[in-house]
Amino acid sequence: MHLISRTLGKFLVNAVILYVADYYFYSFTITGGIRSVISAALVITLLNIFVKPILRFVSTPLVWLTLGLFLIVINAVVLWVADILLPSIQFADFTSFIVLSIIIGFANSII
């Protein structure tokens, strides 16, 4: 039960972050309205559940060497995969990848 509520919490946080980021970041756009925000949050949550642990395991030495800063790159890769999977998400530059990955990573680590 705790796992379900935690996953639902991460999904809701991801949805809110994506919705707010659509308004505040000029280089990040989500086309298609609230349905696209919900589908993007679902895809990012599923990628964080299934793909991110594999990436963390493979890159453990790099995470240790950089004292955890490589986790930002892992979060950016997760966003990049979501960008590839969903045509409704568009990033204009690399800076929005990094900033949004820091925000999403920080919010998901709190939950």
PDB file of N, CA and C in Angstrom:
ATOM      1  N   MET A   1       0.822  -1.193   0.000  1.00  0.00           N
ATOM      2  CA  MET A   1       0.000   0.000   0.000  1.00  0.00           C
ATOM      3  C   MET A   1       0.866   1.257   0.000  1.00  0.00           C
ATOM      4  N   HIS A   2       1.975   1.189   0.720  1.00  0.00           N
ATOM      5  CA  HIS A   2       2.876   2.343   0.783  1.00  0.00           C
ATOM      6  C   HIS A   2       3.492   2.612  -0.577  1.00  0.00           C
ATOM      7  N   LEU A   3       3.788   1.553  -1.326  1.00  0.00           N
ATOM      8  CA  LEU A   3       4.379   1.704  -2.654  1.00  0.00           C
ATOM      9  C   LEU A   3       3.401   2.371  -3.618  1.00  0.00           C
ATOM     10  N   ILE A   4       2.137   2.007  -3.531  1.00  0.00           N
ATOM     11  CA  ILE A   4       1.136   2.587  -4.417  1.00  0.00           C
ATOM     12  C   ILE A   4       0.940   4.071  -4.115  1.00  0.00           C
ATOM     13  N   SER A   5       0.853   4.411  -2.857  1.00  0.00           N
ATOM     14  CA  SER A   5       0.656   5.821  -2.512  1.00  0.00           C
ATOM     15  C   SER A   5       1.895   6.651  -2.859  1.00  0.00           C
ATOM     16  N   ARG A   6       3.061   6.071  -2.711  1.00  0.00           N
ATOM     17  CA  ARG A   6       4.289   6.775  -3.067  1.00  0.00           C
ATOM     18  C   ARG A   6       4.382   6.990  -4.577  1.00  0.00           C
ATOM     19  N   THR A   7       4.011   5.983  -5.353  1.00  0.00           N
ATOM     20  CA  THR A   7       4.013   6.106  -6.807  1.00  0.00           C
ATOM     21  C   THR A   7       2.969   7.115  -7.265  1.00  0.00           C
ATOM     22  N   LEU A   8       1.807   7.104  -6.661  1.00  0.00           N
ATOM     23  CA  LEU A   8       0.769   8.077  -6.993  1.00  0.00           C
ATOM     24  C   LEU A   8       1.219   9.491  -6.638  1.00  0.00           C
ATOM     25  N   GLY A   9       1.902   9.630  -5.520  1.00  0.00           N
ATOM     26  CA  GLY A   9       2.446  10.930  -5.133  1.00  0.00           C
ATOM     27  C   GLY A   9       3.475  11.433  -6.118  1.00  0.00           C
ATOM     28  N   LYS A  10       4.354  10.547  -6.576  1.00  0.00           N
ATOM     29  CA  LYS A  10       5.350  10.940  -7.579  1.00  0.00           C
ATOM     30  C   LYS A  10       4.690  11.326  -8.891  1.00  0.00           C
ATOM     31  N   PHE A  11       3.642  10.591  -9.265  1.00  0.00           N
ATOM     32  CA  PHE A  11       2.915  10.928 -10.483  1.00  0.00           C
ATOM     33  C   PHE A  11       2.290  12.314 -10.381  1.00  0.00           C
ATOM     34  N   LEU A  12       1.655  12.608  -9.265  1.00  0.00           N
ATOM     35  CA  LEU A  12       1.027  13.917  -9.089  1.00  0.00           C
ATOM     36  C   LEU A  12       2.051  15.042  -9.057  1.00  0.00           C
ATOM     37  N   VAL A  13       3.169  14.814  -8.394  1.00  0.00           N
ATOM     38  CA  VAL A  13       4.222  15.824  -8.345  1.00  0.00           C
ATOM     39  C   VAL A  13       4.799  16.062  -9.736  1.00  0.00           C
ATOM     40  N   ASN A  14       5.030  14.996 -10.489  1.00  0.00           N
ATOM     41  CA  ASN A  14       5.533  15.147 -11.853  1.00  0.00           C
ATOM     42  C   ASN A  14       4.540  15.911 -12.726  1.00  0.00           C
ATOM     43  N   ALA A  15       3.251  15.636 -12.558  1.00  0.00           N
ATOM     44  CA  ALA A  15       2.235  16.335 -13.348  1.00  0.00           C
ATOM     45  C   ALA A  15       2.219  17.824 -13.020  1.00  0.00           C
ATOM     46  N   VAL A  16       2.289  18.149 -11.748  1.00  0.00           N
ATOM     47  CA  VAL A  16       2.288  19.563 -11.346  1.00  0.00           C
ATOM     48  C   VAL A  16       3.544  20.268 -11.848  1.00  0.00           C
ATOM     49  N   ILE A  17       4.690  19.621 -11.718  1.00  0.00           N
ATOM     50  CA  ILE A  17       5.947  20.226 -12.178  1.00  0.00           C
ATOM     51  C   ILE A  17       5.913  20.463 -13.686  1.00  0.00           C
ATOM     52  N   LEU A  18       5.427  19.502 -14.442  1.00  0.00           N
ATOM     53  CA  LEU A  18       5.356  19.675 -15.892  1.00  0.00           C
ATOM     54  C   LEU A  18       4.373  20.767 -16.278  1.00  0.00           C
ATOM     55  N   TYR A  19       3.262  20.838 -15.577  1.00  0.00           N
ATOM     56  CA  TYR A  19       2.264  21.868 -15.870  1.00  0.00           C
ATOM     57  C   TYR A  19       2.817  23.262 -15.582  1.00  0.00           C
ATOM     58  N   VAL A  20       3.495  23.409 -14.462  1.00  0.00           N
ATOM     59  CA  VAL A  20       4.074  24.704 -14.096  1.00  0.00           C
ATOM     60  C   VAL A  20       5.262  25.042 -15.002  1.00  0.00           C
ATOM     61  N   ALA A  21       6.059  24.055 -15.335  1.00  0.00           N
ATOM     62  CA  ALA A  21       7.222  24.291 -16.196  1.00  0.00           C
ATOM     63  C   ALA A  21       6.807  24.711 -17.594  1.00  0.00           C
ATOM     64  N   ASP A  22       5.648  24.263 -18.034  1.00  0.00           N
ATOM     65  CA  ASP A  22       5.156  24.673 -19.342  1.00  0.00           C
ATOM     66  C   ASP A  22       4.921  26.175 -19.398  1.00  0.00           C
ATOM     67  N   TYR A  23       4.542  26.765 -18.280  1.00  0.00           N
ATOM     68  CA  TYR A  23       4.305  28.205 -18.247  1.00  0.00           C
ATOM     69  C   TYR A  23       5.561  29.022 -17.988  1.00  0.00           C
ATOM     70  N   TYR A  24       6.486  28.498 -17.189  1.00  0.00           N
ATOM     71  CA  TYR A  24       7.631  29.302 -16.774  1.00  0.00           C
ATOM     72  C   TYR A  24       8.875  29.148 -17.643  1.00  0.00           C
ATOM     73  N   PHE A  25       9.040  28.018 -18.315  1.00  0.00           N
ATOM     74  CA  PHE A  25      10.203  27.817 -19.176  1.00  0.00           C
ATOM     75  C   PHE A  25       9.791  28.051 -20.619  1.00  0.00           C
ATOM     76  N   TYR A  26      10.376  29.043 -21.228  1.00  0.00           N
ATOM     77  CA  TYR A  26      10.042  29.338 -22.622  1.00  0.00           C
ATOM     78  C   TYR A  26      10.564  28.278 -23.574  1.00  0.00           C
ATOM     79  N   SER A  27      11.576  27.534 -23.168  1.00  0.00           N
ATOM     80  CA  SER A  27      12.173  26.543 -24.056  1.00  0.00           C
ATOM     81  C   SER A  27      11.587  25.140 -23.850  1.00  0.00           C
ATOM     82  N   PHE A  28      10.569  25.027 -23.024  1.00  0.00           N
ATOM     83  CA  PHE A  28       9.910  23.746 -22.779  1.00  0.00           C
ATOM     84  C   PHE A  28       8.429  23.918 -23.057  1.00  0.00           C
ATOM     85  N   THR A  29       7.888  23.115 -23.958  1.00  0.00           N
ATOM     86  CA  THR A  29       6.468  23.220 -24.268  1.00  0.00           C
ATOM     87  C   THR A  29       5.822  21.843 -24.277  1.00  0.00           C
ATOM     88  N   ILE A  30       4.583  21.839 -23.824  1.00  0.00           N
ATOM     89  CA  ILE A  30       3.749  20.649 -23.900  1.00  0.00           C
ATOM     90  C   ILE A  30       2.515  21.042 -24.701  1.00  0.00           C
ATOM     91  N   THR A  31       2.338  20.427 -25.846  1.00  0.00           N
ATOM     92  CA  THR A  31       1.175  20.712 -26.669  1.00  0.00           C
ATOM     93  C   THR A  31       0.116  19.652 -26.424  1.00  0.00           C
ATOM     94  N   GLY A  32      -1.132  20.056 -26.442  1.00  0.00           N
ATOM     95  CA  GLY A  32      -2.207  19.087 -26.288  1.00  0.00           C
ATOM     96  C   GLY A  32      -2.994  19.217 -25.005  1.00  0.00           C
ATOM     97  N   GLY A  33      -2.664  20.165 -24.166  1.00  0.00           N
ATOM     98  CA  GLY A  33      -3.463  20.403 -22.975  1.00  0.00           C
ATOM     99  C   GLY A  33      -3.166  19.473 -21.813  1.00  0.00           C
ATOM    100  N   ILE A  34      -4.167  19.313 -20.984  1.00  0.00           N
ATOM    101  CA  ILE A  34      -3.997  18.576 -19.732  1.00  0.00           C
ATOM    102  C   ILE A  34      -3.785  17.083 -19.977  1.00  0.00           C
ATOM    103  N   ARG A  35      -4.350  16.555 -21.058  1.00  0.00           N
ATOM    104  CA  ARG A  35      -4.141  15.131 -21.363  1.00  0.00           C
ATOM    105  C   ARG A  35      -2.678  14.842 -21.658  1.00  0.00           C
ATOM    106  N   SER A  36      -2.036  15.749 -22.345  1.00  0.00           N
ATOM    107  CA  SER A  36      -0.607  15.571 -22.640  1.00  0.00           C
ATOM    108  C   SER A  36       0.233  15.688 -21.385  1.00  0.00           C
ATOM    109  N   VAL A  37      -0.155  16.575 -20.474  1.00  0.00           N
ATOM    110  CA  VAL A  37       0.565  16.712 -19.203  1.00  0.00           C
ATOM    111  C   VAL A  37       0.438  15.425 -18.399  1.00  0.00           C
ATOM    112  N   ILE A  38      -0.767  14.863 -18.358  1.00  0.00           N
ATOM    113  CA  ILE A  38      -0.994  13.628 -17.603  1.00  0.00           C
ATOM    114  C   ILE A  38      -0.238  12.457 -18.238  1.00  0.00           C
ATOM    115  N   SER A  39      -0.254  12.369 -19.563  1.00  0.00           N
ATOM    116  CA  SER A  39       0.470  11.266 -20.203  1.00  0.00           C
ATOM    117  C   SER A  39       1.978  11.435 -20.045  1.00  0.00           C
ATOM    118  N   ALA A  40       2.461  12.672 -20.092  1.00  0.00           N
ATOM    119  CA  ALA A  40       3.897  12.907 -19.882  1.00  0.00           C
ATOM    120  C   ALA A  40       4.294  12.567 -18.454  1.00  0.00           C
ATOM    121  N   ALA A  41       3.462  12.940 -17.491  1.00  0.00           N
ATOM    122  CA  ALA A  41       3.751  12.607 -16.092  1.00  0.00           C
ATOM    123  C   ALA A  41       3.733  11.099 -15.885  1.00  0.00           C
ATOM    124  N   LEU A  42       2.823  10.412 -16.542  1.00  0.00           N
ATOM    125  CA  LEU A  42       2.765   8.956 -16.431  1.00  0.00           C
ATOM    126  C   LEU A  42       4.009   8.304 -17.017  1.00  0.00           C
ATOM    127  N   VAL A  43       4.430   8.780 -18.185  1.00  0.00           N
ATOM    128  CA  VAL A  43       5.623   8.210 -18.822  1.00  0.00           C
ATOM    129  C   VAL A  43       6.866   8.487 -17.980  1.00  0.00           C
ATOM    130  N   ILE A  44       7.004   9.699 -17.465  1.00  0.00           N
ATOM    131  CA  ILE A  44       8.168  10.030 -16.635  1.00  0.00           C
ATOM    132  C   ILE A  44       8.162   9.229 -15.347  1.00  0.00           C
ATOM    133  N   THR A  45       6.995   9.039 -14.750  1.00  0.00           N
ATOM    134  CA  THR A  45       6.911   8.232 -13.532  1.00  0.00           C
ATOM    135  C   THR A  45       7.290   6.784 -13.811  1.00  0.00           C
ATOM    136  N   LEU A  46       6.803   6.229 -14.909  1.00  0.00           N
ATOM    137  CA  LEU A  46       7.157   4.850 -15.255  1.00  0.00           C
ATOM    138  C   LEU A  46       8.636   4.714 -15.593  1.00  0.00           C
ATOM    139  N   LEU A  47       9.193   5.698 -16.273  1.00  0.00           N
ATOM    140  CA  LEU A  47      10.632   5.660 -16.547  1.00  0.00           C
ATOM    141  C   LEU A  47      11.444   5.758 -15.260  1.00  0.00           C
ATOM    142  N   ASN A  48      10.974   6.581 -14.317  1.00  0.00           N
ATOM    143  CA  ASN A  48      11.666   6.680 -13.035  1.00  0.00           C
ATOM    144  C   ASN A  48      11.575   5.383 -12.236  1.00  0.00           C
ATOM    145  N   ILE A  49      10.508   4.632 -12.426  1.00  0.00           N
ATOM    146  CA  ILE A  49      10.348   3.379 -11.695  1.00  0.00           C
ATOM    147  C   ILE A  49      11.178   2.256 -12.326  1.00  0.00           C
ATOM    148  N   PHE A  50      11.165   2.160 -13.659  1.00  0.00           N
ATOM    149  CA  PHE A  50      11.764   1.006 -14.317  1.00  0.00           C
ATOM    150  C   PHE A  50      13.147   1.258 -14.920  1.00  0.00           C
ATOM    151  N   VAL A  51      13.366   2.399 -15.537  1.00  0.00           N
ATOM    152  CA  VAL A  51      14.622   2.649 -16.254  1.00  0.00           C
ATOM    153  C   VAL A  51      15.667   3.295 -15.353  1.00  0.00           C
ATOM    154  N   LYS A  52      15.249   4.216 -14.522  1.00  0.00           N
ATOM    155  CA  LYS A  52      16.209   4.951 -13.691  1.00  0.00           C
ATOM    156  C   LYS A  52      17.026   4.051 -12.764  1.00  0.00           C
ATOM    157  N   PRO A  53      16.444   3.039 -12.120  1.00  0.00           N
ATOM    158  CA  PRO A  53      17.282   2.162 -11.290  1.00  0.00           C
ATOM    159  C   PRO A  53      18.352   1.417 -12.088  1.00  0.00           C
ATOM    160  N   ILE A  54      18.038   1.062 -13.322  1.00  0.00           N
ATOM    161  CA  ILE A  54      19.034   0.393 -14.157  1.00  0.00           C
ATOM    162  C   ILE A  54      20.164   1.354 -14.499  1.00  0.00           C
ATOM    163  N   LEU A  55      19.802   2.582 -14.861  1.00  0.00           N
ATOM    164  CA  LEU A  55      20.824   3.589 -15.157  1.00  0.00           C
ATOM    165  C   LEU A  55      21.679   3.901 -13.936  1.00  0.00           C
ATOM    166  N   ARG A  56      21.057   3.955 -12.768  1.00  0.00           N
ATOM    167  CA  ARG A  56      21.815   4.220 -11.538  1.00  0.00           C
ATOM    168  C   ARG A  56      22.775   3.080 -11.227  1.00  0.00           C
ATOM    169  N   PHE A  57      22.329   1.845 -11.452  1.00  0.00           N
ATOM    170  CA  PHE A  57      23.188   0.701 -11.185  1.00  0.00           C
ATOM    171  C   PHE A  57      24.383   0.678 -12.138  1.00  0.00           C
ATOM    172  N   VAL A  58      24.127   0.934 -13.410  1.00  0.00           N
ATOM    173  CA  VAL A  58      25.198   0.903 -14.403  1.00  0.00           C
ATOM    174  C   VAL A  58      26.205   2.029 -14.169  1.00  0.00           C
ATOM    175  N   SER A  59      25.716   3.175 -13.733  1.00  0.00           N
ATOM    176  CA  SER A  59      26.602   4.336 -13.567  1.00  0.00           C
ATOM    177  C   SER A  59      26.993   4.586 -12.115  1.00  0.00           C
ATOM    178  N   THR A  60      26.929   3.589 -11.279  1.00  0.00           N
ATOM    179  CA  THR A  60      27.288   3.750  -9.868  1.00  0.00           C
ATOM    180  C   THR A  60      28.697   4.307  -9.661  1.00  0.00           C
ATOM    181  N   PRO A  61      29.709   3.839 -10.380  1.00  0.00           N
ATOM    182  CA  PRO A  61      31.042   4.430 -10.190  1.00  0.00           C
ATOM    183  C   PRO A  61      31.093   5.928 -10.520  1.00  0.00           C
ATOM    184  N   LEU A  62      30.369   6.333 -11.565  1.00  0.00           N
ATOM    185  CA  LEU A  62      30.342   7.758 -11.907  1.00  0.00           C
ATOM    186  C   LEU A  62      29.609   8.586 -10.854  1.00  0.00           C
ATOM    187  N   VAL A  63      28.555   8.015 -10.287  1.00  0.00           N
ATOM    188  CA  VAL A  63      27.826   8.713  -9.226  1.00  0.00           C
ATOM    189  C   VAL A  63      28.733   8.885  -8.012  1.00  0.00           C
ATOM    190  N   TRP A  64      29.498   7.860  -7.694  1.00  0.00           N
ATOM    191  CA  TRP A  64      30.420   7.961  -6.555  1.00  0.00           C
ATOM    192  C   TRP A  64      31.532   8.964  -6.819  1.00  0.00           C
ATOM    193  N   LEU A  65      32.091   8.928  -8.027  1.00  0.00           N
ATOM    194  CA  LEU A  65      33.191   9.840  -8.352  1.00  0.00           C
ATOM    195  C   LEU A  65      32.756  11.303  -8.352  1.00  0.00           C
ATOM    196  N   THR A  66      31.519  11.559  -8.765  1.00  0.00           N
ATOM    197  CA  THR A  66      31.037  12.940  -8.816  1.00  0.00           C
ATOM    198  C   THR A  66      30.253  13.335  -7.573  1.00  0.00           C
ATOM    199  N   LEU A  67      30.275  12.470  -6.575  1.00  0.00           N
ATOM    200  CA  LEU A  67      29.560  12.703  -5.312  1.00  0.00           C
ATOM    201  C   LEU A  67      28.069  12.962  -5.522  1.00  0.00           C
ATOM    202  N   GLY A  68      27.486  12.239  -6.452  1.00  0.00           N
ATOM    203  CA  GLY A  68      26.053  12.305  -6.688  1.00  0.00           C
ATOM    204  C   GLY A  68      25.611  13.261  -7.769  1.00  0.00           C
ATOM    205  N   LEU A  69      26.499  14.070  -8.298  1.00  0.00           N
ATOM    206  CA  LEU A  69      26.100  15.034  -9.329  1.00  0.00           C
ATOM    207  C   LEU A  69      25.741  14.363 -10.651  1.00  0.00           C
ATOM    208  N   PHE A  70      26.207  13.156 -10.863  1.00  0.00           N
ATOM    209  CA  PHE A  70      25.862  12.440 -12.088  1.00  0.00           C
ATOM    210  C   PHE A  70      24.392  12.047 -12.117  1.00  0.00           C
ATOM    211  N   LEU A  71      23.725  12.092 -10.966  1.00  0.00           N
ATOM    212  CA  LEU A  71      22.290  11.812 -10.927  1.00  0.00           C
ATOM    213  C   LEU A  71      21.500  12.840 -11.723  1.00  0.00           C
ATOM    214  N   ILE A  72      22.026  14.047 -11.838  1.00  0.00           N
ATOM    215  CA  ILE A  72      21.383  15.068 -12.668  1.00  0.00           C
ATOM    216  C   ILE A  72      21.405  14.622 -14.127  1.00  0.00           C
ATOM    217  N   VAL A  73      22.501  14.038 -14.548  1.00  0.00           N
ATOM    218  CA  VAL A  73      22.603  13.540 -15.916  1.00  0.00           C
ATOM    219  C   VAL A  73      21.636  12.378 -16.133  1.00  0.00           C
ATOM    220  N   ILE A  74      21.502  11.514 -15.145  1.00  0.00           N
ATOM    221  CA  ILE A  74      20.569  10.393 -15.257  1.00  0.00           C
ATOM    222  C   ILE A  74      19.135  10.914 -15.370  1.00  0.00           C
ATOM    223  N   ASN A  75      18.780  11.918 -14.570  1.00  0.00           N
ATOM    224  CA  ASN A  75      17.449  12.504 -14.676  1.00  0.00           C
ATOM    225  C   ASN A  75      17.249  13.172 -16.031  1.00  0.00           C
ATOM    226  N   ALA A  76      18.282  13.797 -16.559  1.00  0.00           N
ATOM    227  CA  ALA A  76      18.185  14.409 -17.887  1.00  0.00           C
ATOM    228  C   ALA A  76      17.996  13.345 -18.966  1.00  0.00           C
ATOM    229  N   VAL A  77      18.634  12.195 -18.815  1.00  0.00           N
ATOM    230  CA  VAL A  77      18.453  11.097 -19.773  1.00  0.00           C
ATOM    231  C   VAL A  77      17.020  10.584 -19.719  1.00  0.00           C
ATOM    232  N   VAL A  78      16.460  10.494 -18.519  1.00  0.00           N
ATOM    233  CA  VAL A  78      15.062  10.060 -18.383  1.00  0.00           C
ATOM    234  C   VAL A  78      14.140  11.053 -19.088  1.00  0.00           C
ATOM    235  N   LEU A  79      14.379  12.348 -18.922  1.00  0.00           N
ATOM    236  CA  LEU A  79      13.573  13.355 -19.622  1.00  0.00           C
ATOM    237  C   LEU A  79      13.779  13.276 -21.141  1.00  0.00           C
ATOM    238  N   TRP A  80      15.004  12.997 -21.550  1.00  0.00           N
ATOM    239  CA  TRP A  80      15.287  12.877 -22.977  1.00  0.00           C
ATOM    240  C   TRP A  80      14.532  11.689 -23.585  1.00  0.00           C
ATOM    241  N   VAL A  81      14.487  10.561 -22.873  1.00  0.00           N
ATOM    242  CA  VAL A  81      13.741   9.397 -23.353  1.00  0.00           C
ATOM    243  C   VAL A  81      12.245   9.727 -23.411  1.00  0.00           C
ATOM    244  N   ALA A  82      11.746  10.445 -22.408  1.00  0.00           N
ATOM    245  CA  ALA A  82      10.341  10.863 -22.437  1.00  0.00           C
ATOM    246  C   ALA A  82      10.083  11.802 -23.607  1.00  0.00           C
ATOM    247  N   ASP A  83      11.046  12.657 -23.915  1.00  0.00           N
ATOM    248  CA  ASP A  83      10.924  13.553 -25.062  1.00  0.00           C
ATOM    249  C   ASP A  83      10.864  12.768 -26.362  1.00  0.00           C
ATOM    250  N   ILE A  84      11.616  11.696 -26.446  1.00  0.00           N
ATOM    251  CA  ILE A  84      11.599  10.856 -27.650  1.00  0.00           C
ATOM    252  C   ILE A  84      10.280  10.084 -27.750  1.00  0.00           C
ATOM    253  N   LEU A  85       9.787   9.574 -26.624  1.00  0.00           N
ATOM    254  CA  LEU A  85       8.574   8.764 -26.641  1.00  0.00           C
ATOM    255  C   LEU A  85       7.308   9.576 -26.874  1.00  0.00           C
ATOM    256  N   LEU A  86       7.285  10.804 -26.406  1.00  0.00           N
ATOM    257  CA  LEU A  86       6.084  11.626 -26.498  1.00  0.00           C
ATOM    258  C   LEU A  86       6.295  12.788 -27.467  1.00  0.00           C
ATOM    259  N   PRO A  87       5.549  12.832 -28.536  1.00  0.00           N
ATOM    260  CA  PRO A  87       5.708  13.961 -29.466  1.00  0.00           C
ATOM    261  C   PRO A  87       5.130  15.269 -28.917  1.00  0.00           C
ATOM    262  N   SER A  88       4.352  15.206 -27.852  1.00  0.00           N
ATOM    263  CA  SER A  88       3.754  16.431 -27.305  1.00  0.00           C
ATOM    264  C   SER A  88       4.726  17.226 -26.437  1.00  0.00           C
ATOM    265  N   ILE A  89       5.856  16.630 -26.058  1.00  0.00           N
ATOM    266  CA  ILE A  89       6.867  17.329 -25.259  1.00  0.00           C
ATOM    267  C   ILE A  89       7.966  17.811 -26.197  1.00  0.00           C
ATOM    268  N   GLN A  90       8.347  19.075 -26.029  1.00  0.00           N
ATOM    269  CA  GLN A  90       9.419  19.620 -26.859  1.00  0.00           C
ATOM    270  C   GLN A  90      10.356  20.461 -25.999  1.00  0.00           C
ATOM    271  N   PHE A  91      11.631  20.155 -26.081  1.00  0.00           N
ATOM    272  CA  PHE A  91      12.671  20.935 -25.422  1.00  0.00           C
ATOM    273  C   PHE A  91      13.428  21.703 -26.493  1.00  0.00           C
ATOM    274  N   ALA A  92      13.615  22.999 -26.272  1.00  0.00           N
ATOM    275  CA  ALA A  92      14.314  23.822 -27.261  1.00  0.00           C
ATOM    276  C   ALA A  92      15.817  23.832 -27.037  1.00  0.00           C
ATOM    277  N   ASP A  93      16.250  23.681 -25.784  1.00  0.00           N
ATOM    278  CA  ASP A  93      17.685  23.722 -25.526  1.00  0.00           C
ATOM    279  C   ASP A  93      18.048  22.775 -24.384  1.00  0.00           C
ATOM    280  N   PHE A  94      19.344  22.597 -24.219  1.00  0.00           N
ATOM    281  CA  PHE A  94      19.863  21.667 -23.215  1.00  0.00           C
ATOM    282  C   PHE A  94      19.686  22.201 -21.793  1.00  0.00           C
ATOM    283  N   THR A  95      19.652  23.507 -21.639  1.00  0.00           N
ATOM    284  CA  THR A  95      19.511  24.104 -20.306  1.00  0.00           C
ATOM    285  C   THR A  95      18.185  23.719 -19.667  1.00  0.00           C
ATOM    286  N   SER A  96      17.131  23.678 -20.447  1.00  0.00           N
ATOM    287  CA  SER A  96      15.838  23.292 -19.878  1.00  0.00           C
ATOM    288  C   SER A  96      15.830  21.830 -19.461  1.00  0.00           C
ATOM    289  N   PHE A  97      16.575  20.971 -20.179  1.00  0.00           N
ATOM    290  CA  PHE A  97      16.727  19.580 -19.737  1.00  0.00           C
ATOM    291  C   PHE A  97      17.344  19.530 -18.345  1.00  0.00           C
ATOM    292  N   ILE A  98      18.428  20.253 -18.162  1.00  0.00           N
ATOM    293  CA  ILE A  98      19.155  20.195 -16.896  1.00  0.00           C
ATOM    294  C   ILE A  98      18.331  20.793 -15.763  1.00  0.00           C
ATOM    295  N   VAL A  99      17.746  21.971 -15.986  1.00  0.00           N
ATOM    296  CA  VAL A  99      16.981  22.634 -14.924  1.00  0.00           C
ATOM    297  C   VAL A  99      15.762  21.800 -14.542  1.00  0.00           C
ATOM    298  N   LEU A 100      15.038  21.305 -15.529  1.00  0.00           N
ATOM    299  CA  LEU A 100      13.865  20.492 -15.231  1.00  0.00           C
ATOM    300  C   LEU A 100      14.242  19.161 -14.597  1.00  0.00           C
ATOM    301  N   SER A 101      15.375  18.594 -14.970  1.00  0.00           N
ATOM    302  CA  SER A 101      15.803  17.339 -14.339  1.00  0.00           C
ATOM    303  C   SER A 101      16.206  17.568 -12.892  1.00  0.00           C
ATOM    304  N   ILE A 102      16.796  18.713 -12.583  1.00  0.00           N
ATOM    305  CA  ILE A 102      17.122  19.024 -11.196  1.00  0.00           C
ATOM    306  C   ILE A 102      15.846  19.190 -10.379  1.00  0.00           C
ATOM    307  N   ILE A 103      14.875  19.897 -10.922  1.00  0.00           N
ATOM    308  CA  ILE A 103      13.624  20.127 -10.194  1.00  0.00           C
ATOM    309  C   ILE A 103      12.867  18.821  -9.982  1.00  0.00           C
ATOM    310  N   ILE A 104      12.736  18.020 -11.014  1.00  0.00           N
ATOM    311  CA  ILE A 104      12.011  16.749 -10.890  1.00  0.00           C
ATOM    312  C   ILE A 104      12.764  15.789  -9.986  1.00  0.00           C
ATOM    313  N   GLY A 105      14.080  15.724 -10.117  1.00  0.00           N
ATOM    314  CA  GLY A 105      14.858  14.843  -9.249  1.00  0.00           C
ATOM    315  C   GLY A 105      14.759  15.222  -7.782  1.00  0.00           C
ATOM    316  N   PHE A 106      14.808  16.527  -7.514  1.00  0.00           N
ATOM    317  CA  PHE A 106      14.698  16.989  -6.125  1.00  0.00           C
ATOM    318  C   PHE A 106      13.308  16.693  -5.565  1.00  0.00           C
ATOM    319  N   ALA A 107      12.280  16.954  -6.351  1.00  0.00           N
ATOM    320  CA  ALA A 107      10.914  16.709  -5.880  1.00  0.00           C
ATOM    321  C   ALA A 107      10.645  15.220  -5.668  1.00  0.00           C
ATOM    322  N   ASN A 108      11.153  14.380  -6.558  1.00  0.00           N
ATOM    323  CA  ASN A 108      10.932  12.936  -6.410  1.00  0.00           C
ATOM    324  C   ASN A 108      11.765  12.358  -5.255  1.00  0.00           C
ATOM    325  N   SER A 109      12.886  12.965  -4.937  1.00  0.00           N
ATOM    326  CA  SER A 109      13.674  12.450  -3.828  1.00  0.00           C
ATOM    327  C   SER A 109      13.035  12.792  -2.481  1.00  0.00           C
ATOM    328  N   ILE A 110      12.258  13.836  -2.432  1.00  0.00           N
ATOM    329  CA  ILE A 110      11.580  14.196  -1.186  1.00  0.00           C
ATOM    330  C   ILE A 110      10.446  13.215  -0.883  1.00  0.00           C
ATOM    331  N   ILE A 111       9.772  12.761  -1.924  1.00  0.00           N
ATOM    332  CA  ILE A 111       8.616  11.868  -1.712  1.00  0.00           C
ATOM    333  C   ILE A 111       9.066  10.500  -1.333  1.00  0.00           C
TER     334      ILE A 111
END
